[in-house]
Amino acid sequence: MFTLKEKLYLLKLLKSEKRKSFWGFRKRDSVHDQLVEKLEQMVRNEQVNQEHL
């Protein structure tokens, strides 16, 4: 299990890779977008849970 800090770092890396591939016109795997969405959801959930606990 990743900590919130680790999830945010991974999300930052994935999003920076997205920008690089856009300008390099390199096609990403569909898994890349799914991973970004999943990590964003995990981060949101963890932030909401911290507020309520």
N, C-alpha and C. Protein backbone atom coordinates (compact mmCIF):
# COMPACT_ATOMS: atom_id res chain seq x y z
N MET A 1 0.84 -1.18 0.00
CA MET A 1 0.00 0.00 0.00
C MET A 1 0.88 1.24 0.00
N PHE A 2 0.52 2.19 -0.81
CA PHE A 2 1.29 3.44 -0.91
C PHE A 2 0.74 4.48 0.05
N THR A 3 1.61 5.33 0.51
CA THR A 3 1.18 6.46 1.34
C THR A 3 0.63 7.55 0.41
N LEU A 4 -0.02 8.53 1.01
CA LEU A 4 -0.57 9.63 0.22
C LEU A 4 0.54 10.37 -0.52
N LYS A 5 1.65 10.56 0.15
CA LYS A 5 2.79 11.27 -0.47
C LYS A 5 3.31 10.50 -1.68
N GLU A 6 3.39 9.18 -1.57
CA GLU A 6 3.86 8.35 -2.68
C GLU A 6 2.87 8.38 -3.85
N LYS A 7 1.59 8.35 -3.54
CA LYS A 7 0.57 8.41 -4.60
C LYS A 7 0.63 9.73 -5.34
N LEU A 8 0.79 10.81 -4.62
CA LEU A 8 0.89 12.13 -5.26
C LEU A 8 2.13 12.20 -6.15
N TYR A 9 3.22 11.62 -5.69
CA TYR A 9 4.45 11.62 -6.48
C TYR A 9 4.27 10.81 -7.78
N LEU A 10 3.67 9.64 -7.68
CA LEU A 10 3.42 8.82 -8.86
C LEU A 10 2.49 9.53 -9.84
N LEU A 11 1.48 10.18 -9.30
CA LEU A 11 0.55 10.92 -10.14
C LEU A 11 1.27 12.05 -10.89
N LYS A 12 2.14 12.73 -10.18
CA LYS A 12 2.93 13.81 -10.80
C LYS A 12 3.80 13.25 -11.93
N LEU A 13 4.43 12.12 -11.70
CA LEU A 13 5.28 11.50 -12.73
C LEU A 13 4.46 11.08 -13.95
N LEU A 14 3.31 10.48 -13.70
CA LEU A 14 2.47 10.05 -14.82
C LEU A 14 1.97 11.23 -15.63
N LYS A 15 1.60 12.31 -14.96
CA LYS A 15 1.12 13.48 -15.69
C LYS A 15 2.24 14.16 -16.46
N SER A 16 3.44 14.16 -15.92
CA SER A 16 4.56 14.77 -16.64
C SER A 16 4.90 13.92 -17.87
N GLU A 17 4.76 12.63 -17.76
CA GLU A 17 5.00 11.74 -18.90
C GLU A 17 3.96 12.00 -19.99
N LYS A 18 2.76 12.34 -19.59
CA LYS A 18 1.70 12.64 -20.55
C LYS A 18 2.07 13.87 -21.37
N ARG A 19 2.61 14.89 -20.71
CA ARG A 19 3.01 16.10 -21.42
C ARG A 19 4.14 15.80 -22.39
N LYS A 20 5.10 15.00 -21.95
CA LYS A 20 6.24 14.66 -22.81
C LYS A 20 5.76 13.91 -24.06
N SER A 21 4.85 12.97 -23.87
CA SER A 21 4.41 12.17 -24.99
C SER A 21 3.55 13.00 -25.95
N PHE A 22 2.87 14.02 -25.42
CA PHE A 22 2.06 14.88 -26.28
C PHE A 22 2.95 15.62 -27.28
N TRP A 23 4.05 16.20 -26.78
CA TRP A 23 4.92 16.95 -27.67
C TRP A 23 5.80 16.05 -28.51
N GLY A 24 6.05 14.84 -28.04
CA GLY A 24 6.85 13.90 -28.81
C GLY A 24 6.00 13.07 -29.76
N PHE A 25 4.69 13.28 -29.71
CA PHE A 25 3.74 12.55 -30.55
C PHE A 25 3.89 11.04 -30.42
N ARG A 26 4.18 10.63 -29.21
CA ARG A 26 4.32 9.21 -28.92
C ARG A 26 3.00 8.71 -28.34
N LYS A 27 2.50 7.61 -28.83
CA LYS A 27 1.22 7.09 -28.34
C LYS A 27 1.43 6.35 -27.03
N ARG A 28 0.57 6.69 -26.06
CA ARG A 28 0.62 6.03 -24.75
C ARG A 28 -0.30 4.81 -24.74
N ASP A 29 -0.03 3.92 -23.81
CA ASP A 29 -0.93 2.80 -23.60
C ASP A 29 -2.21 3.31 -22.96
N SER A 30 -3.30 2.60 -23.17
CA SER A 30 -4.57 2.98 -22.53
C SER A 30 -4.46 2.80 -21.02
N VAL A 31 -3.55 1.95 -20.59
CA VAL A 31 -3.34 1.71 -19.16
C VAL A 31 -2.87 3.00 -18.48
N HIS A 32 -2.14 3.82 -19.19
CA HIS A 32 -1.62 5.06 -18.62
C HIS A 32 -2.76 5.94 -18.12
N ASP A 33 -3.76 6.16 -18.95
CA ASP A 33 -4.89 6.99 -18.57
C ASP A 33 -5.69 6.35 -17.43
N GLN A 34 -5.83 5.05 -17.47
CA GLN A 34 -6.55 4.34 -16.40
C GLN A 34 -5.82 4.49 -15.07
N LEU A 35 -4.50 4.38 -15.11
CA LEU A 35 -3.70 4.53 -13.90
C LEU A 35 -3.82 5.94 -13.32
N VAL A 36 -3.80 6.93 -14.17
CA VAL A 36 -3.93 8.31 -13.72
C VAL A 36 -5.28 8.50 -13.03
N GLU A 37 -6.35 8.01 -13.66
CA GLU A 37 -7.68 8.13 -13.08
C GLU A 37 -7.78 7.41 -11.74
N LYS A 38 -7.24 6.22 -11.69
CA LYS A 38 -7.30 5.44 -10.46
C LYS A 38 -6.51 6.11 -9.33
N LEU A 39 -5.33 6.61 -9.64
CA LEU A 39 -4.52 7.30 -8.63
C LEU A 39 -5.21 8.58 -8.15
N GLU A 40 -5.81 9.32 -9.07
CA GLU A 40 -6.53 10.53 -8.68
C GLU A 40 -7.66 10.20 -7.72
N GLN A 41 -8.40 9.13 -8.02
CA GLN A 41 -9.50 8.71 -7.16
C GLN A 41 -8.98 8.27 -5.79
N MET A 42 -7.89 7.54 -5.75
CA MET A 42 -7.32 7.08 -4.49
C MET A 42 -6.87 8.27 -3.63
N VAL A 43 -6.26 9.27 -4.28
CA VAL A 43 -5.81 10.45 -3.55
C VAL A 43 -7.01 11.21 -2.99
N ARG A 44 -8.04 11.40 -3.81
CA ARG A 44 -9.25 12.10 -3.34
C ARG A 44 -9.87 11.37 -2.16
N ASN A 45 -9.99 10.06 -2.26
CA ASN A 45 -10.58 9.28 -1.19
C ASN A 45 -9.78 9.41 0.10
N GLU A 46 -8.48 9.33 -0.02
CA GLU A 46 -7.63 9.42 1.17
C GLU A 46 -7.72 10.80 1.81
N GLN A 47 -7.77 11.85 0.99
CA GLN A 47 -7.89 13.21 1.51
C GLN A 47 -9.22 13.41 2.22
N VAL A 48 -10.30 12.89 1.65
CA VAL A 48 -11.62 13.00 2.27
C VAL A 48 -11.64 12.21 3.58
N ASN A 49 -11.07 11.03 3.58
CA ASN A 49 -11.06 10.21 4.79
C ASN A 49 -10.25 10.86 5.91
N GLN A 50 -9.17 11.54 5.55
CA GLN A 50 -8.36 12.22 6.57
C GLN A 50 -9.16 13.34 7.24
N GLU A 51 -9.98 14.02 6.46
CA GLU A 51 -10.78 15.12 7.00
C GLU A 51 -11.83 14.61 7.99
N HIS A 52 -12.35 13.42 7.74
CA HIS A 52 -13.43 12.90 8.57
C HIS A 52 -12.94 12.09 9.77
N LEU A 53 -11.68 11.78 9.80
CA LEU A 53 -11.15 10.97 10.92
C LEU A 53 -10.49 11.81 11.97
